[in-house]
Protein backbone atom coordinates (compact mmCIF):
# COMPACT_ATOMS: atom_id res chain seq x y z
CA MET A 1 40.16 61.97 110.45
CA LEU A 2 38.34 65.15 109.77
CA VAL A 3 35.02 64.47 108.13
CA PHE A 4 33.56 67.26 106.03
CA ASP A 5 29.38 67.07 105.10
CA PRO A 6 28.24 70.37 103.59
CA ASN A 7 24.52 69.50 105.17
CA ASP A 8 25.54 69.21 108.47
CA ARG A 9 29.19 70.87 108.75
CA THR A 10 30.06 68.77 111.52
CA ILE A 11 34.01 68.40 111.82
CA THR A 12 35.50 65.72 113.91
CA SER A 13 39.50 65.34 114.34
CA THR A 14 41.98 62.74 115.57
CA SER A 15 45.37 63.68 114.53
CA GLY A 16 48.95 63.61 115.57
CA GLY A 17 51.80 65.83 114.61
CA TYR A 18 55.26 65.98 113.64
CA SER A 19 58.30 68.80 113.17
CA ASN A 20 59.96 69.70 110.43
CA GLU A 21 62.23 72.59 109.12
CA GLY A 22 60.17 75.59 109.89
CA LEU A 23 57.23 75.44 111.95
CA PRO A 24 56.25 72.22 113.76
CA ILE A 25 52.57 71.18 111.69
CA ARG A 26 50.68 68.57 111.44
CA ASP A 27 48.59 66.47 108.96
CA THR A 28 45.24 65.20 109.35
CA PHE A 29 42.93 62.74 106.39
CA VAL A 30 40.14 64.91 105.29
CA GLN A 31 36.76 62.98 104.02
CA PHE A 32 34.34 65.51 101.92
CA THR A 33 31.18 64.00 101.59
CA SER A 34 28.30 65.27 99.59
CA GLY A 35 25.75 62.16 98.52
CA LEU A 36 27.26 59.37 97.60
CA GLN A 37 30.47 61.29 96.74
CA ILE A 38 33.11 61.25 98.91
CA GLN A 39 36.44 62.72 98.27
CA ARG A 40 39.75 62.38 100.29
CA GLY A 41 42.71 64.81 100.56
CA ILE A 42 45.51 65.60 103.95
CA LEU A 43 45.24 69.07 105.83
CA TYR A 44 48.36 70.61 106.77
CA GLU A 45 48.45 72.82 109.33
CA PRO A 46 51.04 74.47 111.94
CA VAL A 47 50.65 72.78 115.45
CA THR A 48 50.46 75.99 116.61
CA PRO A 49 48.53 78.75 114.43
CA CYS A 50 49.83 81.92 113.35
CA GLU A 51 48.52 84.86 111.68
CA LYS A 52 49.65 83.31 107.99
CA SER A 53 47.08 80.03 109.09
CA LYS A 54 44.12 82.42 108.70
CA ILE A 55 44.96 81.80 105.09
CA GLY A 56 43.92 78.35 103.56
CA ILE A 57 45.15 77.03 100.34
CA ILE A 58 43.25 74.17 98.17
CA ILE A 59 46.35 71.99 96.01
CA ILE A 60 44.26 69.88 93.78
CA HIS A 61 45.06 68.65 89.99
CA SER A 62 42.37 67.72 87.09
CA ASN A 63 43.86 64.46 87.09
CA SER A 64 46.47 63.37 89.67
CA ASP A 65 46.33 62.96 93.65
CA TYR A 66 48.15 65.49 95.37
CA SER A 67 47.59 64.50 98.65
CA THR A 68 51.17 64.14 99.69
CA TRP A 69 52.97 66.74 97.06
CA ASP A 70 55.87 68.20 99.12
CA ILE A 71 54.39 71.54 98.55
CA CYS A 72 51.52 71.40 100.93
CA ALA A 73 53.83 70.53 103.69
CA GLU A 74 56.35 72.98 102.41
CA LEU A 75 53.47 76.23 102.56
CA ALA A 76 52.32 74.63 106.48
CA LYS A 77 55.32 75.13 107.01
CA ARG A 78 55.57 78.41 106.33
CA GLY A 79 52.29 79.01 108.31
CA TYR A 80 49.73 78.65 106.26
CA ARG A 81 46.87 75.45 106.20
CA THR A 82 47.03 73.62 102.94
CA VAL A 83 44.73 70.82 101.95
CA GLY A 84 46.65 68.69 99.22
CA GLY A 85 43.70 66.00 97.76
CA GLN A 86 42.16 64.58 94.51
CA VAL A 87 39.15 64.54 92.79
CA THR A 88 36.27 61.99 93.17
CA ASP A 89 36.72 60.60 89.53
CA PRO A 90 39.90 61.71 87.36
CA ASN A 91 38.42 60.15 84.48
CA GLY A 92 35.27 61.79 85.46
CA SER A 93 33.48 65.24 83.80
CA MET A 94 34.88 68.85 84.00
CA ASP A 95 31.76 69.71 85.89
CA ALA A 96 31.96 66.82 88.34
CA LYS A 97 35.82 68.24 88.96
CA ILE A 98 34.41 71.69 89.47
CA LEU A 99 32.18 70.53 91.69
CA ASP A 100 34.38 68.63 94.07
CA ILE A 101 36.35 72.05 94.10
CA LYS A 102 33.58 73.56 95.19
CA ARG A 103 33.34 71.16 98.56
CA VAL A 104 36.73 71.90 99.38
CA VAL A 105 35.73 75.52 99.30
CA GLU A 106 33.32 75.08 101.69
CA PHE A 107 34.78 72.96 103.71
CA MET A 108 37.91 75.77 104.07
CA ARG A 109 35.51 78.62 104.46
CA SER A 110 33.93 76.52 107.70
CA TYR A 111 37.28 75.39 109.08
CA PRO A 112 38.16 77.31 112.56
CA GLY A 113 40.54 79.93 111.77
CA ILE A 114 40.43 80.45 108.20
CA GLU A 115 39.51 83.43 106.61
CA LYS A 116 40.60 83.98 103.05
CA VAL A 117 40.58 80.62 100.80
CA VAL A 118 43.38 80.48 98.13
CA LEU A 119 43.23 77.78 94.65
CA LEU A 120 46.47 76.75 93.64
CA GLY A 121 46.46 75.05 90.21
CA HIS A 122 49.44 73.10 89.38
CA SER A 123 49.61 72.01 85.23
CA GLY A 124 46.52 70.84 84.60
CA GLY A 125 45.32 71.97 88.15
CA ALA A 126 45.48 75.36 86.90
CA THR A 127 42.97 74.55 83.95
CA LEU A 128 40.69 73.25 86.55
CA MET A 129 41.06 76.28 89.11
CA THR A 130 40.64 78.79 86.23
CA ALA A 131 37.44 76.88 85.52
CA TYR A 132 36.61 77.01 88.82
CA GLN A 133 37.36 80.81 89.75
CA CYS A 134 35.33 81.86 86.50
CA ALA A 135 32.43 80.03 87.18
CA ALA A 136 32.41 81.04 91.02
CA GLU A 137 32.88 85.17 90.29
CA ASN A 138 30.80 85.13 86.81
CA GLY A 139 27.73 82.07 87.44
CA PRO A 140 28.32 78.52 85.54
CA GLN A 141 26.15 80.71 83.12
CA VAL A 142 29.20 82.09 81.57
CA PHE A 143 29.84 78.09 80.29
CA GLN A 144 26.71 77.46 78.60
CA GLY A 145 26.83 80.25 75.75
CA ASP A 146 25.75 78.49 72.92
CA GLU A 147 29.34 79.29 71.21
CA LYS A 148 30.61 76.51 73.51
CA LEU A 149 30.94 72.68 72.30
CA ILE A 150 29.54 71.61 75.03
CA LYS A 151 27.30 73.07 78.00
CA CYS A 152 28.36 73.19 81.44
CA SER A 153 25.59 71.32 83.44
CA ILE A 154 26.29 72.94 86.26
CA THR A 155 23.34 75.21 87.97
CA GLU A 156 24.11 76.06 91.23
CA PRO A 157 26.18 78.90 92.77
CA LEU A 158 29.59 78.48 93.99
CA SER A 159 31.37 80.38 96.46
CA PRO A 160 34.69 82.36 94.61
CA ALA A 161 38.26 82.23 96.30
CA ASP A 162 39.92 85.10 97.47
CA ALA A 163 42.82 85.02 95.47
CA LEU A 164 44.53 82.57 92.51
CA MET A 165 47.98 80.92 91.99
CA ALA A 166 48.72 79.42 89.07
CA LEU A 167 52.17 77.63 89.03
CA ASP A 168 53.65 75.98 85.70
CA ALA A 169 50.10 75.88 84.43
CA ASN A 170 49.46 73.82 81.17
CA TRP A 171 48.10 75.44 78.43
CA GLY A 172 45.01 73.79 79.34
CA ASN A 173 43.62 70.40 79.07
CA GLY A 174 42.37 70.41 75.39
CA ALA A 175 45.39 72.22 73.99
CA MET A 176 47.61 69.71 75.73
CA THR A 177 45.02 67.03 74.23
CA LEU A 178 45.65 68.83 70.55
CA THR A 179 49.59 68.65 71.29
CA SER A 180 49.54 65.50 71.59
CA VAL A 181 47.45 64.13 68.62
CA ASP A 182 49.50 62.15 66.44
CA PRO A 183 48.95 63.05 63.11
CA ALA A 184 50.65 60.11 61.93
CA VAL A 185 47.99 57.99 63.00
CA VAL A 186 46.09 56.46 60.00
CA GLN A 187 42.95 54.59 60.79
CA ASP A 188 40.78 52.44 58.34
CA GLY A 189 38.01 50.92 60.56
CA ASN A 190 39.71 48.88 62.61
CA ASP A 191 43.27 48.76 61.37
CA ILE A 192 45.75 51.28 62.47
CA LYS A 193 49.16 52.25 60.77
CA LEU A 194 51.55 55.32 61.12
CA ASP A 195 52.36 57.43 58.07
CA PRO A 196 56.22 57.42 58.19
CA GLU A 197 56.46 60.89 56.77
CA LEU A 198 55.23 62.35 60.03
CA ASP A 199 57.21 60.07 62.42
CA ILE A 200 58.65 62.56 64.58
CA PHE A 201 61.36 60.23 65.90
CA SER A 202 62.70 59.43 62.42
CA PRO A 203 65.79 60.88 61.40
CA ALA A 204 65.11 61.69 57.94
CA ASN A 205 62.84 64.14 59.43
CA GLY A 206 65.26 65.81 61.86
CA PHE A 207 65.11 63.59 64.85
CA ASP A 208 68.20 63.18 67.04
CA PRO A 209 68.19 62.29 71.00
CA GLU A 210 70.27 64.83 71.96
CA GLY A 211 67.71 67.06 70.68
CA ALA A 212 65.83 67.29 67.61
CA ASN A 213 65.97 69.83 64.57
CA TYR A 214 62.85 69.79 62.62
CA SER A 215 63.20 72.04 59.24
CA ASP A 216 60.51 74.51 59.00
CA ALA A 217 58.60 72.55 56.53
CA PHE A 218 58.53 69.36 58.50
CA ILE A 219 56.88 71.72 62.06
CA ASP A 220 54.82 72.97 59.03
CA LYS A 221 53.16 70.07 57.80
CA TYR A 222 53.16 68.53 61.03
CA CYS A 223 51.14 70.88 62.81
CA LYS A 224 48.90 71.08 59.67
CA ALA A 225 48.21 66.83 59.81
CA GLN A 226 47.45 67.95 63.72
CA ALA A 227 44.97 70.39 63.74
CA GLU A 228 43.71 68.82 60.80
CA ARG A 229 43.55 64.87 62.76
CA ASN A 230 42.13 66.89 66.25
CA ASN A 231 39.40 68.58 64.36
CA LYS A 232 38.36 65.50 62.77
CA ILE A 233 38.17 63.99 66.59
CA VAL A 234 36.15 67.12 67.75
CA LYS A 235 33.73 67.08 64.74
CA TYR A 236 32.64 62.79 65.23
CA ALA A 237 32.47 63.89 69.42
CA LEU A 238 29.93 66.57 68.37
CA GLU A 239 28.22 64.24 65.99
CA ARG A 240 28.05 61.56 68.45
CA LEU A 241 26.68 64.06 70.81
CA HIS A 242 23.83 65.11 68.78
CA ALA A 243 23.10 61.20 68.34
CA LEU A 244 23.03 60.66 71.94
CA GLU A 245 20.70 63.80 72.34
CA ALA A 246 18.26 62.73 69.95
CA GLY A 247 18.18 59.17 71.47
CA LYS A 248 20.16 57.70 68.00
CA SER A 249 22.73 56.08 70.28
CA PHE A 250 23.12 52.59 72.28
CA PHE A 251 24.06 54.40 75.43
CA VAL A 252 21.19 57.02 76.67
CA ASP A 253 23.61 58.85 78.95
CA ASP A 254 26.89 59.09 77.17
CA GLU A 255 28.98 56.38 74.84
CA PRO A 256 32.31 55.36 75.20
CA LEU A 257 35.37 57.37 72.73
CA VAL A 258 38.57 55.72 72.40
CA ILE A 259 41.61 57.70 70.27
CA PRO A 260 44.75 56.25 69.75
CA GLY A 261 47.61 58.50 70.52
CA ALA A 262 46.10 61.30 72.19
CA ALA A 263 46.54 61.24 75.45
CA LEU A 264 47.49 64.56 76.84
CA PHE A 265 50.46 62.78 79.52
CA GLY A 266 54.03 63.86 79.48
CA PRO A 267 55.67 61.01 77.06
CA CYS A 268 52.83 61.75 74.60
CA ASN A 269 53.31 65.33 73.99
CA LYS A 270 54.90 66.16 70.42
CA LEU A 271 57.51 68.09 69.15
CA PHE A 272 58.41 70.82 71.48
CA PRO A 273 59.93 67.67 74.47
CA GLN A 274 62.23 66.61 71.60
CA ASP A 275 63.01 69.71 69.73
CA LEU A 276 64.53 72.55 72.53
CA ARG A 277 63.78 75.41 69.70
CA LEU A 278 60.12 74.98 70.43
CA LEU A 279 58.83 77.00 73.36
CA SER A 280 61.83 77.59 74.15
CA ARG A 281 61.86 81.48 74.98
CA THR A 282 59.09 84.24 76.30
CA LYS A 283 58.13 87.49 74.02
CA GLY A 284 58.23 89.67 76.57
CA LYS A 285 60.84 90.88 80.03
CA TYR A 286 60.01 89.31 83.23
CA ASP A 287 61.72 88.41 87.02
CA LEU A 288 63.80 85.52 87.12
CA LEU A 289 64.53 84.09 90.46
CA HIS A 290 67.71 82.63 91.40
CA GLY A 291 68.67 80.31 93.86
CA ASP A 292 70.83 82.64 95.44
CA GLY A 293 68.21 85.09 96.27
CA THR A 294 69.24 87.22 93.51
CA VAL A 295 66.35 88.35 90.77
CA THR A 296 67.39 89.33 87.27
CA ASN A 297 64.99 90.64 84.62
CA GLY A 298 64.59 90.24 80.77
CA ILE A 299 63.63 87.59 78.08
CA ILE A 300 63.25 83.99 80.23
CA ARG A 301 64.94 81.30 77.81
CA SER A 302 64.50 77.48 79.07
CA VAL A 303 67.78 75.62 80.14
CA ARG A 304 65.72 71.92 79.85
CA ARG A 305 67.20 68.97 78.16
CA PRO A 306 65.01 66.81 75.23
CA MET A 307 63.06 64.11 76.31
CA PHE A 308 61.42 61.52 74.82
CA THR A 309 63.25 59.58 72.74
CA LYS A 310 60.56 57.23 71.17
CA THR A 311 57.06 56.73 70.26
CA MET A 312 54.29 56.03 72.76
CA THR A 313 51.50 56.05 69.93
CA THR A 314 51.35 52.29 69.82
CA SER A 315 50.92 51.86 73.25
CA ILE A 316 47.57 51.68 75.35
CA PHE A 317 49.49 54.26 77.71
CA SER A 318 49.09 57.04 74.37
CA THR A 319 45.51 56.35 74.06
CA LEU A 320 43.00 58.60 75.40
CA ARG A 321 39.77 56.30 76.86
CA THR A 322 36.97 58.68 77.84
CA THR A 323 33.79 59.95 76.90
CA VAL A 324 32.41 62.05 74.38
CA ARG A 325 30.20 64.20 76.77
CA ASN A 326 33.68 64.14 78.84
CA PHE A 327 36.19 64.64 75.72
CA LEU A 328 34.17 67.80 74.68
CA ARG A 329 34.44 69.06 78.44
CA GLU A 330 37.87 67.73 79.08
CA ASN A 331 39.69 67.46 75.99
CA ALA A 332 38.42 69.32 73.14
CA VAL A 333 39.79 72.94 71.67
CA ILE A 334 39.23 73.17 68.08
CA ALA A 335 42.38 74.30 65.91
CA LEU A 336 42.50 77.33 63.56
CA PRO A 337 44.26 77.37 59.97
CA ASN A 338 47.34 78.87 61.62
CA TYR A 339 47.52 76.57 64.54
CA ARG A 340 51.34 76.05 64.86
CA ILE A 341 54.21 75.63 67.80
CA ARG A 342 56.70 78.59 67.71
CA GLU A 343 59.71 79.45 69.25
CA ASP A 344 57.95 81.60 71.94
CA GLY A 345 54.59 80.34 72.08
CA ILE A 346 51.75 78.05 70.60
CA GLU A 347 49.45 80.11 68.32
CA GLY A 348 46.03 79.34 66.57
CA ILE A 349 43.80 77.96 69.11
CA ASP A 350 40.49 78.70 69.51
CA TRP A 351 40.19 79.19 72.95
CA THR A 352 36.49 80.30 73.01
CA ARG A 353 34.58 76.75 72.54
CA GLY A 354 35.29 75.31 76.02
CA TYR A 355 36.32 76.00 79.60
CA ASN A 356 39.07 73.21 79.64
CA CYS A 357 41.95 75.74 78.69
CA PRO A 358 42.88 78.54 81.73
CA THR A 359 43.71 81.04 78.81
CA SER A 360 39.93 81.58 78.20
CA CYS A 361 38.86 80.98 81.53
CA ILE A 362 41.51 83.53 83.08
CA LYS A 363 39.67 86.63 81.68
CA GLY A 364 36.73 85.97 83.89
CA VAL A 365 38.85 86.03 86.92
CA SER A 366 39.35 89.23 89.25
CA VAL A 367 40.72 88.17 92.02
CA PRO A 368 44.85 88.82 93.18
CA LEU A 369 46.49 86.26 90.31
CA LEU A 370 50.34 84.76 90.81
CA CYS A 371 51.57 82.69 87.52
CA MET A 372 54.87 81.03 88.01
CA GLY A 373 56.71 79.45 85.09
CA MET A 374 59.45 76.74 85.70
CA THR A 375 62.66 77.21 83.30
CA ALA A 376 63.55 73.51 82.94
CA GLY A 377 60.15 72.50 81.68
CA TYR A 378 58.35 73.08 78.38
CA GLU A 379 55.29 74.53 79.83
CA PHE A 380 56.89 77.72 81.54
CA LEU A 381 55.64 79.39 78.21
CA ALA A 382 52.05 78.79 79.03
CA SER A 383 52.45 81.08 82.25
CA GLU A 384 52.98 84.12 79.75
CA LEU A 385 50.37 83.34 77.87
CA LEU A 386 47.99 83.19 80.97
CA TYR A 387 49.26 86.34 82.25
CA GLU A 388 48.72 87.97 78.94
CA ASN A 389 45.24 87.00 79.23
CA ALA A 390 44.21 87.68 82.54
CA THR A 391 42.07 90.69 83.10
CA THR A 392 42.51 91.18 87.19
CA LYS A 393 44.28 94.31 87.74
CA ASP A 394 46.52 92.37 90.35
CA LYS A 395 48.61 90.40 88.49
CA THR A 396 52.27 88.78 88.74
CA LEU A 397 54.02 86.80 86.89
CA ALA A 398 57.78 85.24 87.59
CA PHE A 399 60.12 82.39 86.69
CA VAL A 400 62.23 79.77 88.70
CA SER A 401 65.38 79.23 87.09
CA GLY A 402 66.23 75.59 86.80
CA ALA A 403 63.04 74.22 88.29
CA ASN A 404 61.54 71.62 86.56
CA HIS A 405 57.83 71.19 86.20
CA VAL A 406 57.20 69.87 89.41
CA PHE A 407 59.25 72.27 91.24
CA GLN A 408 62.32 70.38 91.78
CA THR A 409 65.88 71.48 90.90
CA CYS A 410 67.22 69.85 87.22
CA THR A 411 70.51 68.82 88.21
CA GLU A 412 70.76 67.51 85.05
CA CYS A 413 70.33 71.16 83.09
CA GLU A 414 73.08 72.30 85.39
CA ALA A 415 76.56 73.87 83.89
CA PHE A 416 77.73 73.28 87.09
CA PRO A 417 76.73 71.57 90.76
CA GLY A 418 74.84 73.92 92.62
CA GLN A 419 73.89 76.41 89.79
CA PHE A 420 70.11 76.39 90.99
CA GLY A 421 70.19 75.94 94.03
CA ASP A 422 67.35 74.44 95.82
CA THR A 423 64.46 75.89 93.27
CA GLN A 424 61.46 74.13 95.52
CA LYS A 425 62.37 76.62 98.44
CA THR A 426 63.23 79.63 95.85
CA LEU A 427 59.36 78.89 94.77
CA CYS A 428 57.84 78.53 98.17
CA ASP A 429 59.66 81.35 99.52
CA TYR A 430 58.14 83.53 96.77
CA VAL A 431 54.68 82.36 97.52
CA ASP A 432 55.11 82.84 101.00
CA ARG A 433 56.24 86.59 100.24
CA TRP A 434 53.24 86.93 97.43
CA LEU A 435 50.48 85.79 100.07
CA ALA A 436 51.82 88.05 102.69
CA GLU A 437 51.55 90.96 100.60
CA LYS A 438 48.06 90.17 98.76
CA LEU A 439 45.96 88.50 101.69
CA MET A 440 47.56 89.96 105.02
CA ASP A 441 46.14 93.40 106.64
């Protein structure tokens, strides 16, 4: 086990090794400590370090545990040192999670042989990693302006990484919460019911398990109602924040916030998983990586299949259970009057009011940036928006044909067996080439 304490910087190690395709690698349990905070992960590295082992890659999600994710080992087999892990508290605040990344960056900077550090953010991990890098490059005060719904509480400096990879980034934890809010929820005190006119699983509204076909009028009505409910929730959270700050709450530090039909996890997302016309193509032309090694360039189109055929709103799984402060830091965005989910993207979100969306945070990042989208998932278009908003002069965008959100081959999306090849290998090989080009002398 590796134990890293930034206060004494002592590292001890006992670990075994194993061989697999590619370089033989070993994995070692890692524990990062800072006071009472304990954070865990796994370090993957070649048994015999090579030139690429000077690059350390951090792979952590904002909520899920990535300690044993395949990508950690796959990149290590290509020569890199990787740490896959988790944040201390998945239900904690964005600020606490940013400090979790700080500890892992310090560990990587201290590890013998590592000269450069790279952040890899996947899905909600991109929300966390872009926020960290933006605050590290510009200081936490970049998230403390009067325009923010809630100001970042971090005061200490953060060490920036040398590069950032956003692989199938989500639209941001705040934006994903907005798109997951069920506008059909009608709440009167403790009485909750669903408005059938806003039921996306009703055939009368255009639902079909083989692929919904909602009318433009229904989509307009749905998005308008979704924006209104979202903004009411944010308004209520701000009112409770002000009550807390004025000492007018039963609680002295924070208070619980429970929101039915607003969890941001996959099965709770609305409209676009059901209607394949939505979020189905890029605006611009980009490189598309194929399993046979070829690369084509053009408008990138989704190959995904319909998902989620029944409402989750009446389940506790679909209920967002958080606190007022955590909601404002992790989940809150303001929907504008023109909020709409379209064929080629999402419009009408005020990205400036928080720091829980890569679209705003990426503007403060200057290091080399790799964005990649997976065409068998519905979040792939977020990569184009992220790329468009990036201000770094060194940015790359590419898509993997037939890869789902976790980089696996979507066999049910294939027109014939083997059409997409091994999409995880396609992605990792591309990442390998990009890292070697950008960070190796």
